[in-house]
Structures are given as C-alpha cells and as structure tokens.
Amino acid sequence: MHRRHLALPTLVLVLLAGCGSSDDEEAFAPADVEFARQMIPHHAQAVEMAAMLPPSGVSPELTELADGIADAQQPEIDQMTAMLDRWGYTPPPLEGGHAHEMAGMLTEDDLAALDAATGAEFERMWLTMMIEHHEGAIEMARTQLDDGIDSEARELAEEIVDAQEAEIARMEGLLE
C-alpha cells in the first residue's frame, strides 16, 4: 500500500456519487485525514493514561471515570482507523514521532512523573493532566468541525467535544 502525503495537493478530494462512482463513496478533505491521523495517537495516550491507574489508592470515582474514558476512546480509535482505510490512508504509528507536540499530549517526562506518583498526588496529577489532554482533543475536534467535510468524521468530532466537555466538568468536580 502506498502512503499519500497530506502536504500534496490541498484540493478537496471529492468522490461524488453520480459521477461514475458508487453510492457508498463520500467526499472527504485533507482536514478529515489530519483529524483522524492526529486523534488516533491522542486517544491512544488517553487509553494509556487510563491503564496507569493503580488497583488501589485512588477514589472509585476516578476508577470509574478512567474506565469510561478507555471504553469510549478505544472504539473511536478503531472507527478512525477504518475511516483512514476507507480514504486510502494508513493510520499513524501510536508511538514515537511528533505526537507529543499535539495539543494536550503528555511528554514522556509527564508520564514518568505520573507513574511515580501515588495516592492523592497521583489522583490530582492524573485529573489535571487528563483535563489538559481533553482540552487538546476538543481543540482538534473543533478544527475538524471548521475544516472537515466527511460526515462520519464531523459526527465523531461533535461527539468528542460533547463527551470530553462533560468529562472535564466531572474531573474539575473531582479536583474540588
């Protein structure tokens, strides 16, 4: 499979039904591809953070929240991977590269500090870091809503904004 580069023509890639293509083909834009390629490693880090919760020493509310985040974001990773496949693009690597440069992404040092924390310190750090992480995802989703045209990607971006704004409010409540 060859890899298409986003830096190539920025014209909207349009596959229109009625122009000799099948009815299941849809229009998509470079912004749709960029959204999926960035959100996949972003979500993967949230799933990784959820898995960092120790089996004890944190509140049941945090455990429930982390489980809910992982349960929601892994299927979204799978959905975005399928969208990229449908568009003819390969998913990004989940590790390495410049993923840490995306909005809200934690650095390896951040993750190491979180891993070293325990009890209330861990809980406070986790909540603070996940709020920042979610804010980054919301920023990326809003960019998708501004610039993307694929209906599935736009619907997913709306769901991400709604879900993660609600989770931020919940996390802020847990921090108080």
C-alpha atoms as a PDB file:
ATOM      1  CA  MET A   1       0.000   0.000   0.000  1.00  0.00           C
ATOM      2  CA  HIS A   2       1.423   3.390  -0.857  1.00  0.00           C
ATOM      3  CA  ARG A   3       1.206   6.267   1.532  1.00  0.00           C
ATOM      4  CA  ARG A   4      -0.386   9.525   0.470  1.00  0.00           C
ATOM      5  CA  HIS A   5       1.071  12.668   1.915  1.00  0.00           C
ATOM      6  CA  LEU A   6      -1.074  15.439   3.316  1.00  0.00           C
ATOM      7  CA  ALA A   7       1.375  18.017   2.008  1.00  0.00           C
ATOM      8  CA  LEU A   8       0.414  17.060  -1.540  1.00  0.00           C
ATOM      9  CA  PRO A   9      -2.375  18.972  -3.219  1.00  0.00           C
ATOM     10  CA  THR A  10      -4.616  20.673  -0.727  1.00  0.00           C
ATOM     11  CA  LEU A  11      -7.562  20.471  -3.041  1.00  0.00           C
ATOM     12  CA  VAL A  12     -10.525  18.749  -1.554  1.00  0.00           C
ATOM     13  CA  LEU A  13     -10.556  15.125  -2.596  1.00  0.00           C
ATOM     14  CA  VAL A  14     -14.106  14.625  -3.726  1.00  0.00           C
ATOM     15  CA  LEU A  15     -15.692  11.351  -4.632  1.00  0.00           C
ATOM     16  CA  LEU A  16     -19.203  12.169  -5.758  1.00  0.00           C
ATOM     17  CA  ALA A  17     -21.963   9.685  -6.348  1.00  0.00           C
ATOM     18  CA  GLY A  18     -23.405  10.272  -9.786  1.00  0.00           C
ATOM     19  CA  CYS A  19     -20.020  10.919 -11.365  1.00  0.00           C
ATOM     20  CA  GLY A  20     -19.377   7.289 -12.109  1.00  0.00           C
ATOM     21  CA  SER A  21     -18.680   6.307  -8.516  1.00  0.00           C
ATOM     22  CA  SER A  22     -20.693   4.078  -6.250  1.00  0.00           C
ATOM     23  CA  ASP A  23     -23.246   5.377  -3.773  1.00  0.00           C
ATOM     24  CA  ASP A  24     -21.152   4.410  -0.744  1.00  0.00           C
ATOM     25  CA  GLU A  25     -18.302   6.771  -1.623  1.00  0.00           C
ATOM     26  CA  GLU A  26     -18.270  10.104   0.187  1.00  0.00           C
ATOM     27  CA  ALA A  27     -16.446  13.386  -0.005  1.00  0.00           C
ATOM     28  CA  PHE A  28     -13.516  13.969   2.306  1.00  0.00           C
ATOM     29  CA  ALA A  29     -10.874  16.633   2.713  1.00  0.00           C
ATOM     30  CA  PRO A  30      -7.276  16.753   3.913  1.00  0.00           C
ATOM     31  CA  ALA A  31      -8.633  18.125   7.221  1.00  0.00           C
ATOM     32  CA  ASP A  32     -10.622  14.913   7.714  1.00  0.00           C
ATOM     33  CA  VAL A  33      -7.488  12.817   7.224  1.00  0.00           C
ATOM     34  CA  GLU A  34      -5.442  15.051   9.516  1.00  0.00           C
ATOM     35  CA  PHE A  35      -8.113  14.836  12.214  1.00  0.00           C
ATOM     36  CA  ALA A  36      -8.072  11.025  12.220  1.00  0.00           C
ATOM     37  CA  ARG A  37      -4.285  10.775  11.953  1.00  0.00           C
ATOM     38  CA  GLN A  38      -3.824  13.106  14.934  1.00  0.00           C
ATOM     39  CA  MET A  39      -6.702  11.906  17.081  1.00  0.00           C
ATOM     40  CA  ILE A  40      -5.667   8.234  16.931  1.00  0.00           C
ATOM     41  CA  PRO A  41      -2.394   8.680  18.884  1.00  0.00           C
ATOM     42  CA  HIS A  42      -4.085  11.310  21.055  1.00  0.00           C
ATOM     43  CA  HIS A  43      -6.803   8.834  22.058  1.00  0.00           C
ATOM     44  CA  ALA A  44      -4.205   6.072  22.435  1.00  0.00           C
ATOM     45  CA  GLN A  45      -2.436   8.172  25.061  1.00  0.00           C
ATOM     46  CA  ALA A  46      -5.701   8.679  26.964  1.00  0.00           C
ATOM     47  CA  VAL A  47      -6.220   4.903  26.953  1.00  0.00           C
ATOM     48  CA  GLU A  48      -2.631   4.512  28.198  1.00  0.00           C
ATOM     49  CA  MET A  49      -3.284   7.021  30.992  1.00  0.00           C
ATOM     50  CA  ALA A  50      -6.447   5.162  31.992  1.00  0.00           C
ATOM     51  CA  ALA A  51      -4.430   1.957  32.257  1.00  0.00           C
ATOM     52  CA  MET A  52      -1.968   3.671  34.622  1.00  0.00           C
ATOM     53  CA  LEU A  53      -4.465   3.750  37.487  1.00  0.00           C
ATOM     54  CA  PRO A  54      -3.259   1.573  40.344  1.00  0.00           C
ATOM     55  CA  PRO A  55      -5.583  -1.174  41.574  1.00  0.00           C
ATOM     56  CA  SER A  56      -5.985   0.669  44.890  1.00  0.00           C
ATOM     57  CA  GLY A  57      -5.224   4.012  46.474  1.00  0.00           C
ATOM     58  CA  VAL A  58      -7.457   6.148  44.229  1.00  0.00           C
ATOM     59  CA  SER A  59     -11.119   7.013  44.524  1.00  0.00           C
ATOM     60  CA  PRO A  60     -13.747   4.749  42.970  1.00  0.00           C
ATOM     61  CA  GLU A  61     -14.962   7.836  41.070  1.00  0.00           C
ATOM     62  CA  LEU A  62     -11.578   8.161  39.363  1.00  0.00           C
ATOM     63  CA  THR A  63     -11.511   4.464  38.515  1.00  0.00           C
ATOM     64  CA  GLU A  64     -14.997   4.701  37.012  1.00  0.00           C
ATOM     65  CA  LEU A  65     -14.033   7.802  35.020  1.00  0.00           C
ATOM     66  CA  ALA A  66     -10.817   6.236  33.688  1.00  0.00           C
ATOM     67  CA  ASP A  67     -12.643   3.051  32.703  1.00  0.00           C
ATOM     68  CA  GLY A  68     -15.259   5.121  30.873  1.00  0.00           C
ATOM     69  CA  ILE A  69     -12.590   7.069  29.002  1.00  0.00           C
ATOM     70  CA  ALA A  70     -10.831   3.887  27.855  1.00  0.00           C
ATOM     71  CA  ASP A  71     -14.133   2.213  26.956  1.00  0.00           C
ATOM     72  CA  ALA A  72     -15.146   5.213  24.792  1.00  0.00           C
ATOM     73  CA  GLN A  73     -11.844   6.055  23.151  1.00  0.00           C
ATOM     74  CA  GLN A  74     -10.661   2.625  22.012  1.00  0.00           C
ATOM     75  CA  PRO A  75     -13.733   2.135  19.770  1.00  0.00           C
ATOM     76  CA  GLU A  76     -13.182   5.664  18.413  1.00  0.00           C
ATOM     77  CA  ILE A  77      -9.579   4.714  17.556  1.00  0.00           C
ATOM     78  CA  ASP A  78     -10.950   1.708  15.671  1.00  0.00           C
ATOM     79  CA  GLN A  79     -13.515   3.914  13.898  1.00  0.00           C
ATOM     80  CA  MET A  80     -10.891   6.465  12.817  1.00  0.00           C
ATOM     81  CA  THR A  81      -8.580   3.675  11.633  1.00  0.00           C
ATOM     82  CA  ALA A  82     -11.433   2.361   9.471  1.00  0.00           C
ATOM     83  CA  MET A  83     -12.094   5.863   8.118  1.00  0.00           C
ATOM     84  CA  LEU A  84      -8.442   6.240   7.115  1.00  0.00           C
ATOM     85  CA  ASP A  85      -8.559   2.849   5.440  1.00  0.00           C
ATOM     86  CA  ARG A  86     -11.705   3.863   3.540  1.00  0.00           C
ATOM     87  CA  TRP A  87      -9.949   7.023   2.344  1.00  0.00           C
ATOM     88  CA  GLY A  88      -6.806   5.094   1.323  1.00  0.00           C
ATOM     89  CA  TYR A  89      -4.530   6.343   4.109  1.00  0.00           C
ATOM     90  CA  THR A  90      -2.512   4.405   6.633  1.00  0.00           C
ATOM     91  CA  PRO A  91      -3.008   5.030  10.349  1.00  0.00           C
ATOM     92  CA  PRO A  92      -0.185   6.789  12.174  1.00  0.00           C
ATOM     93  CA  PRO A  93       2.207   4.969  14.470  1.00  0.00           C
ATOM     94  CA  LEU A  94       0.964   5.098  18.041  1.00  0.00           C
ATOM     95  CA  GLU A  95       4.413   5.634  19.491  1.00  0.00           C
ATOM     96  CA  GLY A  96       7.242   7.976  18.633  1.00  0.00           C
ATOM     97  CA  GLY A  97       7.256  10.711  16.045  1.00  0.00           C
ATOM     98  CA  HIS A  98       5.920  14.130  16.951  1.00  0.00           C
ATOM     99  CA  ALA A  99       2.720  13.037  18.682  1.00  0.00           C
ATOM    100  CA  HIS A 100       3.813  14.756  21.899  1.00  0.00           C
ATOM    101  CA  GLU A 101       3.676  18.072  20.030  1.00  0.00           C
ATOM    102  CA  MET A 102      -0.103  17.845  19.568  1.00  0.00           C
ATOM    103  CA  ALA A 103      -2.340  19.879  21.858  1.00  0.00           C
ATOM    104  CA  GLY A 104      -2.793  18.251  25.231  1.00  0.00           C
ATOM    105  CA  MET A 105      -0.320  15.418  24.706  1.00  0.00           C
ATOM    106  CA  LEU A 106       1.820  14.439  27.657  1.00  0.00           C
ATOM    107  CA  THR A 107       5.563  14.093  27.300  1.00  0.00           C
ATOM    108  CA  GLU A 108       7.481  11.016  28.381  1.00  0.00           C
ATOM    109  CA  ASP A 109       8.599  13.024  31.444  1.00  0.00           C
ATOM    110  CA  ASP A 110       4.948  13.802  32.285  1.00  0.00           C
ATOM    111  CA  LEU A 111       4.041  10.130  32.028  1.00  0.00           C
ATOM    112  CA  ALA A 112       7.046   9.128  34.147  1.00  0.00           C
ATOM    113  CA  ALA A 113       6.080  11.651  36.844  1.00  0.00           C
ATOM    114  CA  LEU A 114       2.530  10.349  36.820  1.00  0.00           C
ATOM    115  CA  ASP A 115       3.750   6.763  37.031  1.00  0.00           C
ATOM    116  CA  ALA A 116       5.924   7.638  40.036  1.00  0.00           C
ATOM    117  CA  ALA A 117       3.084   9.348  41.919  1.00  0.00           C
ATOM    118  CA  THR A 118       0.845   7.533  44.394  1.00  0.00           C
ATOM    119  CA  GLY A 119      -2.403   8.075  46.257  1.00  0.00           C
ATOM    120  CA  ALA A 120      -3.863  11.566  46.333  1.00  0.00           C
ATOM    121  CA  GLU A 121      -0.867  13.003  44.456  1.00  0.00           C
ATOM    122  CA  PHE A 122      -1.438  10.522  41.609  1.00  0.00           C
ATOM    123  CA  GLU A 123      -5.145  11.308  41.519  1.00  0.00           C
ATOM    124  CA  ARG A 124      -4.569  15.079  41.394  1.00  0.00           C
ATOM    125  CA  MET A 125      -1.880  14.768  38.704  1.00  0.00           C
ATOM    126  CA  TRP A 126      -3.965  12.354  36.640  1.00  0.00           C
ATOM    127  CA  LEU A 127      -7.025  14.595  36.720  1.00  0.00           C
ATOM    128  CA  THR A 128      -5.019  17.730  35.914  1.00  0.00           C
ATOM    129  CA  MET A 129      -3.194  16.032  33.048  1.00  0.00           C
ATOM    130  CA  MET A 130      -6.346  14.433  31.638  1.00  0.00           C
ATOM    131  CA  ILE A 131      -8.167  17.781  31.691  1.00  0.00           C
ATOM    132  CA  GLU A 132      -5.321  19.286  29.640  1.00  0.00           C
ATOM    133  CA  HIS A 133      -5.359  16.227  27.384  1.00  0.00           C
ATOM    134  CA  HIS A 134      -9.121  16.527  26.817  1.00  0.00           C
ATOM    135  CA  GLU A 135      -8.801  20.256  26.090  1.00  0.00           C
ATOM    136  CA  GLY A 136      -6.341  19.368  23.336  1.00  0.00           C
ATOM    137  CA  ALA A 137      -8.743  16.808  21.869  1.00  0.00           C
ATOM    138  CA  ILE A 138     -11.572  19.343  21.926  1.00  0.00           C
ATOM    139  CA  GLU A 139      -9.362  21.853  20.094  1.00  0.00           C
ATOM    140  CA  MET A 140      -8.572  19.235  17.420  1.00  0.00           C
ATOM    141  CA  ALA A 141     -12.248  18.252  17.124  1.00  0.00           C
ATOM    142  CA  ARG A 142     -13.293  21.884  16.689  1.00  0.00           C
ATOM    143  CA  THR A 143     -10.719  22.278  13.912  1.00  0.00           C
ATOM    144  CA  GLN A 144     -12.300  19.237  12.263  1.00  0.00           C
ATOM    145  CA  LEU A 145     -15.731  20.833  12.543  1.00  0.00           C
ATOM    146  CA  ASP A 146     -14.389  24.052  10.993  1.00  0.00           C
ATOM    147  CA  ASP A 147     -12.454  22.469   8.124  1.00  0.00           C
ATOM    148  CA  GLY A 148     -13.575  18.865   7.603  1.00  0.00           C
ATOM    149  CA  ILE A 149     -16.333  17.708   5.285  1.00  0.00           C
ATOM    150  CA  ASP A 150     -16.665  13.940   5.852  1.00  0.00           C
ATOM    151  CA  SER A 151     -19.976  13.337   7.612  1.00  0.00           C
ATOM    152  CA  GLU A 152     -18.700  10.483   9.797  1.00  0.00           C
ATOM    153  CA  ALA A 153     -15.609  12.438  10.875  1.00  0.00           C
ATOM    154  CA  ARG A 154     -17.720  15.521  11.636  1.00  0.00           C
ATOM    155  CA  GLU A 155     -20.195  13.474  13.684  1.00  0.00           C
ATOM    156  CA  LEU A 156     -17.337  11.894  15.631  1.00  0.00           C
ATOM    157  CA  ALA A 157     -15.792  15.327  16.260  1.00  0.00           C
ATOM    158  CA  GLU A 158     -19.109  16.564  17.668  1.00  0.00           C
ATOM    159  CA  GLU A 159     -19.336  13.502  19.927  1.00  0.00           C
ATOM    160  CA  ILE A 160     -15.771  14.074  21.148  1.00  0.00           C
ATOM    161  CA  VAL A 161     -16.493  17.720  22.007  1.00  0.00           C
ATOM    162  CA  ASP A 162     -19.694  16.831  23.885  1.00  0.00           C
ATOM    163  CA  ALA A 163     -18.270  13.845  25.766  1.00  0.00           C
ATOM    164  CA  GLN A 164     -14.976  15.428  26.694  1.00  0.00           C
ATOM    165  CA  GLU A 165     -16.501  18.724  27.833  1.00  0.00           C
ATOM    166  CA  ALA A 166     -18.753  16.698  30.151  1.00  0.00           C
ATOM    167  CA  GLU A 167     -15.761  14.680  31.394  1.00  0.00           C
ATOM    168  CA  ILE A 168     -13.770  17.868  32.036  1.00  0.00           C
ATOM    169  CA  ALA A 169     -16.621  19.190  34.188  1.00  0.00           C
ATOM    170  CA  ARG A 170     -16.669  15.886  36.063  1.00  0.00           C
ATOM    171  CA  MET A 171     -12.885  15.946  36.562  1.00  0.00           C
ATOM    172  CA  GLU A 172     -12.960  19.542  37.778  1.00  0.00           C
ATOM    173  CA  GLY A 173     -15.574  18.451  40.321  1.00  0.00           C
ATOM    174  CA  LEU A 174     -13.306  15.611  41.470  1.00  0.00           C
ATOM    175  CA  LEU A 175     -10.414  18.044  41.895  1.00  0.00           C
ATOM    176  CA  GLU A 176     -12.514  20.179  44.268  1.00  0.00           C
END
